[in-house]
PDB file of all heavy atoms in Angstrom:
ATOM      1  N   LEU A   1       8.620-106.775  19.559  1.00  0.00           N
ATOM      2  CA  LEU A   1       9.806-106.928  18.766  1.00  0.00           C
ATOM      3  C   LEU A   1      11.031-107.367  19.568  1.00  0.00           C
ATOM      4  O   LEU A   1      12.043-107.702  19.006  1.00  0.00           O
ATOM      5  CB  LEU A   1      10.116-105.632  18.025  1.00  0.00           C
ATOM      6  CG  LEU A   1       9.051-105.102  17.068  1.00  0.00           C
ATOM      7  CD1 LEU A   1       9.534-103.842  16.366  1.00  0.00           C
ATOM      8  CD2 LEU A   1       8.658-106.182  16.022  1.00  0.00           C
ATOM      9  N   GLY A   2      10.927-107.324  20.894  1.00  0.00           N
ATOM     10  CA  GLY A   2      12.032-107.758  21.724  1.00  0.00           C
ATOM     11  C   GLY A   2      13.209-106.870  21.827  1.00  0.00           C
ATOM     12  O   GLY A   2      14.296-107.224  22.169  1.00  0.00           O
ATOM     13  N   LEU A   3      12.993-105.508  21.586  1.00  0.00           N
ATOM     14  CA  LEU A   3      14.092-104.586  21.666  1.00  0.00           C
ATOM     15  C   LEU A   3      14.415-104.324  23.119  1.00  0.00           C
ATOM     16  O   LEU A   3      13.574-104.362  24.026  1.00  0.00           O
ATOM     17  CB  LEU A   3      13.711-103.248  20.988  1.00  0.00           C
ATOM     18  CG  LEU A   3      14.096-103.124  19.489  1.00  0.00           C
ATOM     19  CD1 LEU A   3      13.366-104.215  18.687  1.00  0.00           C
ATOM     20  CD2 LEU A   3      13.727-101.712  19.005  1.00  0.00           C
ATOM     21  N   SER A   4      15.711-104.016  23.396  1.00  0.00           N
ATOM     22  CA  SER A   4      16.123-103.654  24.752  1.00  0.00           C
ATOM     23  C   SER A   4      15.591-102.239  25.063  1.00  0.00           C
ATOM     24  O   SER A   4      15.122-101.521  24.206  1.00  0.00           O
ATOM     25  CB  SER A   4      17.639-103.684  24.838  1.00  0.00           C
ATOM     26  OG  SER A   4      18.187-102.641  24.092  1.00  0.00           O
ATOM     27  N   ALA A   5      15.755-101.865  26.363  1.00  0.00           N
ATOM     28  CA  ALA A   5      15.294-100.530  26.759  1.00  0.00           C
ATOM     29  C   ALA A   5      16.060 -99.463  26.070  1.00  0.00           C
ATOM     30  O   ALA A   5      15.496 -98.437  25.655  1.00  0.00           O
ATOM     31  CB  ALA A   5      15.489-100.383  28.331  1.00  0.00           C
ATOM     32  N   VAL A   6      17.341 -99.723  25.857  1.00  0.00           N
ATOM     33  CA  VAL A   6      18.166 -98.689  25.145  1.00  0.00           C
ATOM     34  C   VAL A   6      17.676 -98.555  23.639  1.00  0.00           C
ATOM     35  O   VAL A   6      17.525 -97.454  23.103  1.00  0.00           O
ATOM     36  CB  VAL A   6      19.625 -99.053  25.190  1.00  0.00           C
ATOM     37  CG1 VAL A   6      20.491 -98.060  24.327  1.00  0.00           C
ATOM     38  CG2 VAL A   6      20.130 -99.060  26.654  1.00  0.00           C
ATOM     39  N   GLU A   7      17.513 -99.748  23.026  1.00  0.00           N
ATOM     40  CA  GLU A   7      17.068 -99.687  21.567  1.00  0.00           C
ATOM     41  C   GLU A   7      15.700 -99.077  21.453  1.00  0.00           C
ATOM     42  O   GLU A   7      15.395 -98.348  20.500  1.00  0.00           O
ATOM     43  CB  GLU A   7      17.113-101.133  21.103  1.00  0.00           C
ATOM     44  CG  GLU A   7      18.452-101.779  20.957  1.00  0.00           C
ATOM     45  CD  GLU A   7      18.416-103.245  20.637  1.00  0.00           C
ATOM     46  OE1 GLU A   7      17.469-103.905  21.118  1.00  0.00           O
ATOM     47  OE2 GLU A   7      19.273-103.720  19.941  1.00  0.00           O
ATOM     48  N   THR A   8      14.786 -99.333  22.452  1.00  0.00           N
ATOM     49  CA  THR A   8      13.505 -98.729  22.460  1.00  0.00           C
ATOM     50  C   THR A   8      13.588 -97.216  22.561  1.00  0.00           C
ATOM     51  O   THR A   8      12.938 -96.474  21.843  1.00  0.00           O
ATOM     52  CB  THR A   8      12.681 -99.277  23.606  1.00  0.00           C
ATOM     53  OG1 THR A   8      12.498-100.703  23.458  1.00  0.00           O
ATOM     54  CG2 THR A   8      11.299 -98.639  23.650  1.00  0.00           C
ATOM     55  N   GLY A   9      14.488 -96.732  23.423  1.00  0.00           N
ATOM     56  CA  GLY A   9      14.642 -95.298  23.576  1.00  0.00           C
ATOM     57  C   GLY A   9      15.180 -94.664  22.364  1.00  0.00           C
ATOM     58  O   GLY A   9      14.718 -93.585  21.939  1.00  0.00           O
ATOM     59  N   VAL A  10      16.053 -95.327  21.656  1.00  0.00           N
ATOM     60  CA  VAL A  10      16.619 -94.762  20.360  1.00  0.00           C
ATOM     61  C   VAL A  10      15.509 -94.634  19.310  1.00  0.00           C
ATOM     62  O   VAL A  10      15.466 -93.691  18.568  1.00  0.00           O
ATOM     63  CB  VAL A  10      17.779 -95.640  19.897  1.00  0.00           C
ATOM     64  CG1 VAL A  10      18.154 -95.257  18.451  1.00  0.00           C
ATOM     65  CG2 VAL A  10      18.959 -95.575  20.805  1.00  0.00           C
ATOM     66  N   ARG A  11      14.638 -95.664  19.272  1.00  0.00           N
ATOM     67  CA  ARG A  11      13.562 -95.665  18.281  1.00  0.00           C
ATOM     68  C   ARG A  11      12.502 -94.572  18.542  1.00  0.00           C
ATOM     69  O   ARG A  11      11.849 -94.118  17.618  1.00  0.00           O
ATOM     70  CB  ARG A  11      12.875 -96.993  18.241  1.00  0.00           C
ATOM     71  CG  ARG A  11      13.690 -98.110  17.536  1.00  0.00           C
ATOM     72  CD  ARG A  11      13.777 -97.792  16.052  1.00  0.00           C
ATOM     73  NE  ARG A  11      14.572 -98.754  15.367  1.00  0.00           N
ATOM     74  CZ  ARG A  11      14.725 -98.811  14.024  1.00  0.00           C
ATOM     75  NH1 ARG A  11      14.192 -97.801  13.276  1.00  0.00           N
ATOM     76  NH2 ARG A  11      15.438 -99.719  13.417  1.00  0.00           N
ATOM     77  N   ILE A  12      12.434 -94.081  19.769  1.00  0.00           N
ATOM     78  CA  ILE A  12      11.450 -93.083  20.166  1.00  0.00           C
ATOM     79  C   ILE A  12      11.985 -91.665  19.936  1.00  0.00           C
ATOM     80  O   ILE A  12      11.268 -90.717  19.867  1.00  0.00           O
ATOM     81  CB  ILE A  12      10.939 -93.307  21.590  1.00  0.00           C
ATOM     82  CG1 ILE A  12      10.217 -94.611  21.727  1.00  0.00           C
ATOM     83  CG2 ILE A  12      10.062 -92.187  22.072  1.00  0.00           C
ATOM     84  CD1 ILE A  12       9.820 -94.981  23.167  1.00  0.00           C
ATOM     85  N   LEU A  13      13.325 -91.577  19.825  1.00  0.00           N
ATOM     86  CA  LEU A  13      13.940 -90.236  19.656  1.00  0.00           C
ATOM     87  C   LEU A  13      13.444 -89.381  18.506  1.00  0.00           C
ATOM     88  O   LEU A  13      13.488 -88.184  18.662  1.00  0.00           O
ATOM     89  CB  LEU A  13      15.455 -90.389  19.599  1.00  0.00           C
ATOM     90  CG  LEU A  13      16.218 -90.686  20.953  1.00  0.00           C
ATOM     91  CD1 LEU A  13      17.684 -90.834  20.749  1.00  0.00           C
ATOM     92  CD2 LEU A  13      15.907 -89.587  21.954  1.00  0.00           C
ATOM     93  N   PRO A  14      13.037 -89.925  17.368  1.00  0.00           N
ATOM     94  CA  PRO A  14      12.504 -89.067  16.325  1.00  0.00           C
ATOM     95  C   PRO A  14      11.395 -88.178  16.727  1.00  0.00           C
ATOM     96  O   PRO A  14      11.249 -87.066  16.309  1.00  0.00           O
ATOM     97  CB  PRO A  14      12.029 -90.072  15.242  1.00  0.00           C
ATOM     98  CG  PRO A  14      12.968 -91.269  15.451  1.00  0.00           C
ATOM     99  CD  PRO A  14      13.178 -91.377  16.900  1.00  0.00           C
ATOM    100  N   LEU A  15      10.563 -88.664  17.677  1.00  0.00           N
ATOM    101  CA  LEU A  15       9.450 -87.869  18.235  1.00  0.00           C
ATOM    102  C   LEU A  15      10.030 -86.627  18.931  1.00  0.00           C
ATOM    103  O   LEU A  15       9.559 -85.517  18.792  1.00  0.00           O
ATOM    104  CB  LEU A  15       8.590 -88.626  19.119  1.00  0.00           C
ATOM    105  CG  LEU A  15       7.382 -87.928  19.707  1.00  0.00           C
ATOM    106  CD1 LEU A  15       6.146 -88.891  19.765  1.00  0.00           C
ATOM    107  CD2 LEU A  15       7.656 -87.389  21.083  1.00  0.00           C
ATOM    108  N   SER A  16      11.063 -86.838  19.741  1.00  0.00           N
ATOM    109  CA  SER A  16      11.704 -85.763  20.463  1.00  0.00           C
ATOM    110  C   SER A  16      12.230 -84.689  19.533  1.00  0.00           C
ATOM    111  O   SER A  16      12.168 -83.504  19.800  1.00  0.00           O
ATOM    112  CB  SER A  16      12.815 -86.256  21.414  1.00  0.00           C
ATOM    113  OG  SER A  16      12.285 -87.154  22.391  1.00  0.00           O
ATOM    114  N   LEU A  17      12.859 -85.136  18.402  1.00  0.00           N
ATOM    115  CA  LEU A  17      13.502 -84.253  17.490  1.00  0.00           C
ATOM    116  C   LEU A  17      12.473 -83.299  16.870  1.00  0.00           C
ATOM    117  O   LEU A  17      12.668 -82.090  16.877  1.00  0.00           O
ATOM    118  CB  LEU A  17      14.238 -85.063  16.406  1.00  0.00           C
ATOM    119  CG  LEU A  17      14.866 -84.244  15.306  1.00  0.00           C
ATOM    120  CD1 LEU A  17      15.977 -83.385  15.804  1.00  0.00           C
ATOM    121  CD2 LEU A  17      15.368 -85.183  14.170  1.00  0.00           C
ATOM    122  N   THR A  18      11.424 -83.812  16.282  1.00  0.00           N
ATOM    123  CA  THR A  18      10.420 -82.991  15.613  1.00  0.00           C
ATOM    124  C   THR A  18       9.600 -82.184  16.647  1.00  0.00           C
ATOM    125  O   THR A  18       9.173 -81.062  16.325  1.00  0.00           O
ATOM    126  CB  THR A  18       9.507 -83.831  14.727  1.00  0.00           C
ATOM    127  OG1 THR A  18       8.939 -84.922  15.460  1.00  0.00           O
ATOM    128  CG2 THR A  18      10.263 -84.339  13.511  1.00  0.00           C
ATOM    129  N   LEU A  19       9.397 -82.731  17.849  1.00  0.00           N
ATOM    130  CA  LEU A  19       8.678 -82.024  18.872  1.00  0.00           C
ATOM    131  C   LEU A  19       9.459 -80.719  19.209  1.00  0.00           C
ATOM    132  O   LEU A  19       8.896 -79.601  19.270  1.00  0.00           O
ATOM    133  CB  LEU A  19       8.580 -82.903  20.090  1.00  0.00           C
ATOM    134  CG  LEU A  19       7.672 -82.390  21.229  1.00  0.00           C
ATOM    135  CD1 LEU A  19       7.158 -83.582  22.061  1.00  0.00           C
ATOM    136  CD2 LEU A  19       8.404 -81.494  22.191  1.00  0.00           C
ATOM    137  N   LEU A  20      10.771 -80.878  19.412  1.00  0.00           N
ATOM    138  CA  LEU A  20      11.556 -79.701  19.774  1.00  0.00           C
ATOM    139  C   LEU A  20      11.609 -78.728  18.624  1.00  0.00           C
ATOM    140  O   LEU A  20      11.530 -77.473  18.861  1.00  0.00           O
ATOM    141  CB  LEU A  20      12.986 -80.135  20.137  1.00  0.00           C
ATOM    142  CG  LEU A  20      13.922 -79.132  20.780  1.00  0.00           C
ATOM    143  CD1 LEU A  20      13.289 -78.663  22.093  1.00  0.00           C
ATOM    144  CD2 LEU A  20      15.264 -79.808  21.064  1.00  0.00           C
ATOM    145  N   LEU A  21      11.736 -79.195  17.415  1.00  0.00           N
ATOM    146  CA  LEU A  21      11.740 -78.312  16.248  1.00  0.00           C
ATOM    147  C   LEU A  21      10.463 -77.560  16.114  1.00  0.00           C
ATOM    148  O   LEU A  21      10.456 -76.274  15.883  1.00  0.00           O
ATOM    149  CB  LEU A  21      11.954 -79.106  14.957  1.00  0.00           C
ATOM    150  CG  LEU A  21      13.402 -79.602  14.745  1.00  0.00           C
ATOM    151  CD1 LEU A  21      13.460 -80.541  13.508  1.00  0.00           C
ATOM    152  CD2 LEU A  21      14.378 -78.489  14.583  1.00  0.00           C
ATOM    153  N   ALA A  22       9.348 -78.186  16.311  1.00  0.00           N
ATOM    154  CA  ALA A  22       8.026 -77.509  16.201  1.00  0.00           C
ATOM    155  C   ALA A  22       7.840 -76.534  17.356  1.00  0.00           C
ATOM    156  O   ALA A  22       7.335 -75.408  17.143  1.00  0.00           O
ATOM    157  CB  ALA A  22       6.913 -78.551  16.150  1.00  0.00           C
ATOM    158  N   ALA A  23       8.140 -76.928  18.579  1.00  0.00           N
ATOM    159  CA  ALA A  23       7.909 -76.136  19.725  1.00  0.00           C
ATOM    160  C   ALA A  23       8.679 -74.803  19.628  1.00  0.00           C
ATOM    161  O   ALA A  23       8.201 -73.744  20.073  1.00  0.00           O
ATOM    162  CB  ALA A  23       8.243 -76.862  21.034  1.00  0.00           C
ATOM    163  N   VAL A  24       9.925 -74.880  19.102  1.00  0.00           N
ATOM    164  CA  VAL A  24      10.804 -73.676  19.025  1.00  0.00           C
ATOM    165  C   VAL A  24      10.505 -72.953  17.691  1.00  0.00           C
ATOM    166  O   VAL A  24      10.472 -71.759  17.644  1.00  0.00           O
ATOM    167  CB  VAL A  24      12.277 -74.099  19.094  1.00  0.00           C
ATOM    168  CG1 VAL A  24      13.147 -72.873  18.917  1.00  0.00           C
ATOM    169  CG2 VAL A  24      12.565 -74.768  20.409  1.00  0.00           C
ATOM    170  N   GLY A  25      10.363 -73.732  16.576  1.00  0.00           N
ATOM    171  CA  GLY A  25      10.257 -73.120  15.280  1.00  0.00           C
ATOM    172  C   GLY A  25       8.981 -72.391  15.006  1.00  0.00           C
ATOM    173  O   GLY A  25       8.986 -71.350  14.348  1.00  0.00           O
ATOM    174  N   VAL A  26       7.831 -72.925  15.431  1.00  0.00           N
ATOM    175  CA  VAL A  26       6.534 -72.307  15.105  1.00  0.00           C
ATOM    176  C   VAL A  26       6.491 -70.835  15.636  1.00  0.00           C
ATOM    177  O   VAL A  26       6.120 -69.912  14.868  1.00  0.00           O
ATOM    178  CB  VAL A  26       5.346 -73.159  15.594  1.00  0.00           C
ATOM    179  CG1 VAL A  26       4.042 -72.381  15.462  1.00  0.00           C
ATOM    180  CG2 VAL A  26       5.297 -74.478  14.843  1.00  0.00           C
ATOM    181  N   PRO A  27       6.751 -70.609  16.951  1.00  0.00           N
ATOM    182  CA  PRO A  27       6.690 -69.218  17.401  1.00  0.00           C
ATOM    183  C   PRO A  27       7.717 -68.309  16.791  1.00  0.00           C
ATOM    184  O   PRO A  27       7.508 -67.125  16.572  1.00  0.00           O
ATOM    185  CB  PRO A  27       6.975 -69.362  18.897  1.00  0.00           C
ATOM    186  CG  PRO A  27       6.672 -70.769  19.254  1.00  0.00           C
ATOM    187  CD  PRO A  27       7.073 -71.567  18.034  1.00  0.00           C
ATOM    188  N   ARG A  28       8.861 -68.911  16.385  1.00  0.00           N
ATOM    189  CA  ARG A  28       9.912 -68.075  15.824  1.00  0.00           C
ATOM    190  C   ARG A  28       9.630 -67.699  14.324  1.00  0.00           C
ATOM    191  O   ARG A  28       9.808 -66.574  13.901  1.00  0.00           O
ATOM    192  CB  ARG A  28      11.264 -68.787  15.881  1.00  0.00           C
ATOM    193  CG  ARG A  28      12.420 -68.022  15.312  1.00  0.00           C
ATOM    194  CD  ARG A  28      13.769 -68.785  15.430  1.00  0.00           C
ATOM    195  NE  ARG A  28      14.165 -68.874  16.794  1.00  0.00           N
ATOM    196  CZ  ARG A  28      14.850 -67.950  17.470  1.00  0.00           C
ATOM    197  NH1 ARG A  28      15.243 -66.851  16.811  1.00  0.00           N
ATOM    198  NH2 ARG A  28      15.207 -68.131  18.697  1.00  0.00           N
ATOM    199  N   LEU A  29       9.161 -68.709  13.561  1.00  0.00           N
ATOM    200  CA  LEU A  29       8.908 -68.458  12.149  1.00  0.00           C
ATOM    201  C   LEU A  29       7.548 -67.861  11.858  1.00  0.00           C
ATOM    202  O   LEU A  29       7.369 -67.106  10.921  1.00  0.00           O
ATOM    203  CB  LEU A  29       8.980 -69.827  11.379  1.00  0.00           C
ATOM    204  CG  LEU A  29      10.403 -70.520  11.447  1.00  0.00           C
ATOM    205  CD1 LEU A  29      10.337 -71.863  10.718  1.00  0.00           C
ATOM    206  CD2 LEU A  29      11.458 -69.596  10.813  1.00  0.00           C
ATOM    207  N   TRP A  30       6.561 -68.159  12.715  1.00  0.00           N
ATOM    208  CA  TRP A  30       5.199 -67.589  12.509  1.00  0.00           C
ATOM    209  C   TRP A  30       4.751 -67.013  13.799  1.00  0.00           C
ATOM    210  O   TRP A  30       3.747 -67.499  14.408  1.00  0.00           O
ATOM    211  CB  TRP A  30       4.247 -68.695  12.034  1.00  0.00           C
ATOM    212  CG  TRP A  30       4.633 -69.308  10.751  1.00  0.00           C
ATOM    213  CD1 TRP A  30       4.524 -68.750   9.472  1.00  0.00           C
ATOM    214  CD2 TRP A  30       5.280 -70.564  10.497  1.00  0.00           C
ATOM    215  NE1 TRP A  30       5.013 -69.602   8.536  1.00  0.00           N
ATOM    216  CE2 TRP A  30       5.464 -70.694   9.171  1.00  0.00           C
ATOM    217  CE3 TRP A  30       5.619 -71.600  11.396  1.00  0.00           C
ATOM    218  CZ2 TRP A  30       6.032 -71.852   8.607  1.00  0.00           C
ATOM    219  CZ3 TRP A  30       6.246 -72.740  10.835  1.00  0.00           C
ATOM    220  CH2 TRP A  30       6.448 -72.835   9.437  1.00  0.00           C
ATOM    221  N   PRO A  31       5.289 -65.940  14.289  1.00  0.00           N
ATOM    222  CA  PRO A  31       4.910 -65.379  15.582  1.00  0.00           C
ATOM    223  C   PRO A  31       3.480 -64.810  15.572  1.00  0.00           C
ATOM    224  O   PRO A  31       2.843 -64.704  16.655  1.00  0.00           O
ATOM    225  CB  PRO A  31       5.937 -64.241  15.777  1.00  0.00           C
ATOM    226  CG  PRO A  31       6.412 -63.870  14.424  1.00  0.00           C
ATOM    227  CD  PRO A  31       6.386 -65.146  13.629  1.00  0.00           C
ATOM    228  N   GLY A  32       2.947 -64.446  14.436  1.00  0.00           N
ATOM    229  CA  GLY A  32       1.638 -63.954  14.381  1.00  0.00           C
ATOM    230  C   GLY A  32       0.578 -64.929  14.014  1.00  0.00           C
ATOM    231  O   GLY A  32      -0.589 -64.570  13.711  1.00  0.00           O
ATOM    232  N   ALA A  33       0.942 -66.234  13.989  1.00  0.00           N
ATOM    233  CA  ALA A  33      -0.004 -67.264  13.593  1.00  0.00           C
ATOM    234  C   ALA A  33      -1.160 -67.408  14.609  1.00  0.00           C
ATOM    235  O   ALA A  33      -0.954 -67.223  15.795  1.00  0.00           O
ATOM    236  CB  ALA A  33       0.737 -68.588  13.436  1.00  0.00           C
ATOM    237  N   SER A  34      -2.296 -67.799  14.109  1.00  0.00           N
ATOM    238  CA  SER A  34      -3.465 -67.989  14.963  1.00  0.00           C
ATOM    239  C   SER A  34      -3.235 -69.231  15.779  1.00  0.00           C
ATOM    240  O   SER A  34      -2.973 -70.317  15.275  1.00  0.00           O
ATOM    241  CB  SER A  34      -4.732 -68.190  14.082  1.00  0.00           C
ATOM    242  OG  SER A  34      -5.747 -68.882  14.794  1.00  0.00           O
ATOM    243  N   PRO A  35      -3.366 -69.141  17.119  1.00  0.00           N
ATOM    244  CA  PRO A  35      -3.248 -70.326  17.996  1.00  0.00           C
ATOM    245  C   PRO A  35      -4.198 -71.448  17.641  1.00  0.00           C
ATOM    246  O   PRO A  35      -3.852 -72.608  17.640  1.00  0.00           O
ATOM    247  CB  PRO A  35      -3.507 -69.782  19.406  1.00  0.00           C
ATOM    248  CG  PRO A  35      -3.149 -68.313  19.307  1.00  0.00           C
ATOM    249  CD  PRO A  35      -3.508 -67.902  17.939  1.00  0.00           C
ATOM    250  N   ARG A  36      -5.426 -71.038  17.225  1.00  0.00           N
ATOM    251  CA  ARG A  36      -6.452 -72.045  16.894  1.00  0.00           C
ATOM    252  C   ARG A  36      -5.974 -72.814  15.638  1.00  0.00           C
ATOM    253  O   ARG A  36      -6.062 -74.013  15.592  1.00  0.00           O
ATOM    254  CB  ARG A  36      -7.793 -71.372  16.581  1.00  0.00           C
ATOM    255  CG  ARG A  36      -8.868 -72.352  16.249  1.00  0.00           C
ATOM    256  CD  ARG A  36     -10.172 -71.634  15.830  1.00  0.00           C
ATOM    257  NE  ARG A  36     -10.669 -70.764  16.873  1.00  0.00           N
ATOM    258  CZ  ARG A  36     -11.747 -69.966  16.740  1.00  0.00           C
ATOM    259  NH1 ARG A  36     -12.425 -69.964  15.587  1.00  0.00           N
ATOM    260  NH2 ARG A  36     -12.142 -69.239  17.772  1.00  0.00           N
ATOM    261  N   ARG A  37      -5.418 -72.067  14.675  1.00  0.00           N
ATOM    262  CA  ARG A  37      -4.983 -72.725  13.445  1.00  0.00           C
ATOM    263  C   ARG A  37      -3.731 -73.655  13.678  1.00  0.00           C
ATOM    264  O   ARG A  37      -3.688 -74.769  13.217  1.00  0.00           O
ATOM    265  CB  ARG A  37      -4.606 -71.709  12.393  1.00  0.00           C
ATOM    266  CG  ARG A  37      -4.150 -72.311  11.077  1.00  0.00           C
ATOM    267  CD  ARG A  37      -4.058 -71.254  10.032  1.00  0.00           C
ATOM    268  NE  ARG A  37      -5.327 -70.616   9.729  1.00  0.00           N
ATOM    269  CZ  ARG A  37      -5.509 -69.613   8.865  1.00  0.00           C
ATOM    270  NH1 ARG A  37      -4.482 -69.032   8.266  1.00  0.00           N
ATOM    271  NH2 ARG A  37      -6.754 -69.084   8.719  1.00  0.00           N
ATOM    272  N   VAL A  38      -2.808 -73.154  14.497  1.00  0.00           N
ATOM    273  CA  VAL A  38      -1.608 -73.960  14.796  1.00  0.00           C
ATOM    274  C   VAL A  38      -1.967 -75.232  15.557  1.00  0.00           C
ATOM    275  O   VAL A  38      -1.441 -76.290  15.206  1.00  0.00           O
ATOM    276  CB  VAL A  38      -0.570 -73.106  15.614  1.00  0.00           C
ATOM    277  CG1 VAL A  38       0.610 -73.988  16.084  1.00  0.00           C
ATOM    278  CG2 VAL A  38      -0.050 -71.956  14.795  1.00  0.00           C
ATOM    279  N   VAL A  39      -2.883 -75.123  16.501  1.00  0.00           N
ATOM    280  CA  VAL A  39      -3.241 -76.271  17.254  1.00  0.00           C
ATOM    281  C   VAL A  39      -4.018 -77.248  16.430  1.00  0.00           C
ATOM    282  O   VAL A  39      -3.851 -78.453  16.496  1.00  0.00           O
ATOM    283  CB  VAL A  39      -4.107 -75.850  18.528  1.00  0.00           C
ATOM    284  CG1 VAL A  39      -4.698 -77.066  19.181  1.00  0.00           C
ATOM    285  CG2 VAL A  39      -3.227 -75.096  19.524  1.00  0.00           C
ATOM    286  N   SER A  40      -4.857 -76.724  15.529  1.00  0.00           N
ATOM    287  CA  SER A  40      -5.664 -77.603  14.659  1.00  0.00           C
ATOM    288  C   SER A  40      -4.769 -78.374  13.737  1.00  0.00           C
ATOM    289  O   SER A  40      -4.861 -79.580  13.550  1.00  0.00           O
ATOM    290  CB  SER A  40      -6.646 -76.781  13.845  1.00  0.00           C
ATOM    291  OG  SER A  40      -7.586 -76.181  14.623  1.00  0.00           O
ATOM    292  N   TRP A  41      -3.722 -77.712  13.134  1.00  0.00           N
ATOM    293  CA  TRP A  41      -2.808 -78.404  12.251  1.00  0.00           C
ATOM    294  C   TRP A  41      -1.955 -79.348  13.029  1.00  0.00           C
ATOM    295  O   TRP A  41      -1.548 -80.423  12.600  1.00  0.00           O
ATOM    296  CB  TRP A  41      -1.911 -77.404  11.543  1.00  0.00           C
ATOM    297  CG  TRP A  41      -2.630 -76.848  10.299  1.00  0.00           C
ATOM    298  CD1 TRP A  41      -3.082 -75.573  10.153  1.00  0.00           C
ATOM    299  CD2 TRP A  41      -2.910 -77.541   9.101  1.00  0.00           C
ATOM    300  NE1 TRP A  41      -3.689 -75.390   8.947  1.00  0.00           N
ATOM    301  CE2 TRP A  41      -3.609 -76.610   8.207  1.00  0.00           C
ATOM    302  CE3 TRP A  41      -2.703 -78.821   8.647  1.00  0.00           C
ATOM    303  CZ2 TRP A  41      -4.037 -76.919   6.967  1.00  0.00           C
ATOM    304  CZ3 TRP A  41      -3.150 -79.126   7.320  1.00  0.00           C
ATOM    305  CH2 TRP A  41      -3.819 -78.267   6.530  1.00  0.00           C
ATOM    306  N   GLY A  42      -1.632 -78.995  14.302  1.00  0.00           N
ATOM    307  CA  GLY A  42      -0.863 -79.932  15.153  1.00  0.00           C
ATOM    308  C   GLY A  42      -1.660 -81.210  15.421  1.00  0.00           C
ATOM    309  O   GLY A  42      -1.075 -82.346  15.387  1.00  0.00           O
ATOM    310  N   LEU A  43      -2.938 -81.052  15.716  1.00  0.00           N
ATOM    311  CA  LEU A  43      -3.787 -82.226  15.940  1.00  0.00           C
ATOM    312  C   LEU A  43      -3.939 -83.052  14.619  1.00  0.00           C
ATOM    313  O   LEU A  43      -3.965 -84.348  14.774  1.00  0.00           O
ATOM    314  CB  LEU A  43      -5.182 -81.805  16.409  1.00  0.00           C
ATOM    315  CG  LEU A  43      -5.242 -81.216  17.815  1.00  0.00           C
ATOM    316  CD1 LEU A  43      -6.584 -80.568  18.086  1.00  0.00           C
ATOM    317  CD2 LEU A  43      -4.917 -82.272  18.857  1.00  0.00           C
ATOM    318  N   ILE A  44      -4.007 -82.406  13.491  1.00  0.00           N
ATOM    319  CA  ILE A  44      -4.019 -83.156  12.252  1.00  0.00           C
ATOM    320  C   ILE A  44      -2.780 -83.987  12.042  1.00  0.00           C
ATOM    321  O   ILE A  44      -2.789 -85.116  11.573  1.00  0.00           O
ATOM    322  CB  ILE A  44      -4.323 -82.160  11.073  1.00  0.00           C
ATOM    323  CG1 ILE A  44      -5.749 -81.657  11.181  1.00  0.00           C
ATOM    324  CG2 ILE A  44      -4.089 -82.902   9.752  1.00  0.00           C
ATOM    325  CD1 ILE A  44      -6.038 -80.502  10.166  1.00  0.00           C
ATOM    326  N   ALA A  45      -1.607 -83.345  12.300  1.00  0.00           N
ATOM    327  CA  ALA A  45      -0.311 -84.086  12.237  1.00  0.00           C
ATOM    328  C   ALA A  45      -0.285 -85.238  13.158  1.00  0.00           C
ATOM    329  O   ALA A  45       0.162 -86.352  12.822  1.00  0.00           O
ATOM    330  CB  ALA A  45       0.779 -83.115  12.481  1.00  0.00           C
ATOM    331  N   LEU A  46      -0.756 -84.978  14.372  1.00  0.00           N
ATOM    332  CA  LEU A  46      -0.810 -86.081  15.391  1.00  0.00           C
ATOM    333  C   LEU A  46      -1.743 -87.222  14.963  1.00  0.00           C
ATOM    334  O   LEU A  46      -1.425 -88.392  15.078  1.00  0.00           O
ATOM    335  CB  LEU A  46      -1.319 -85.478  16.736  1.00  0.00           C
ATOM    336  CG  LEU A  46      -1.181 -86.356  17.981  1.00  0.00           C
ATOM    337  CD1 LEU A  46       0.278 -86.855  18.174  1.00  0.00           C
ATOM    338  CD2 LEU A  46      -1.599 -85.523  19.159  1.00  0.00           C
ATOM    339  N   LEU A  47      -2.905 -86.852  14.366  1.00  0.00           N
ATOM    340  CA  LEU A  47      -3.868 -87.838  13.855  1.00  0.00           C
ATOM    341  C   LEU A  47      -3.228 -88.649  12.681  1.00  0.00           C
ATOM    342  O   LEU A  47      -3.376 -89.837  12.572  1.00  0.00           O
ATOM    343  CB  LEU A  47      -5.121 -87.187  13.396  1.00  0.00           C
ATOM    344  CG  LEU A  47      -6.240 -88.044  12.864  1.00  0.00           C
ATOM    345  CD1 LEU A  47      -6.689 -89.065  13.909  1.00  0.00           C
ATOM    346  CD2 LEU A  47      -7.463 -87.214  12.334  1.00  0.00           C
TER     347      LEU A  47
END
């Protein structure tokens, strides 16, 4: 697409946003959640 390095970085920022939300939010909102289940759903979202 010919975007500059700065424009490319801006387009990638949505990943950082939801990554931070999930990394902080999952343990806080569901501290007793099964690690196997959380990782499985994480892989499904990634897929």
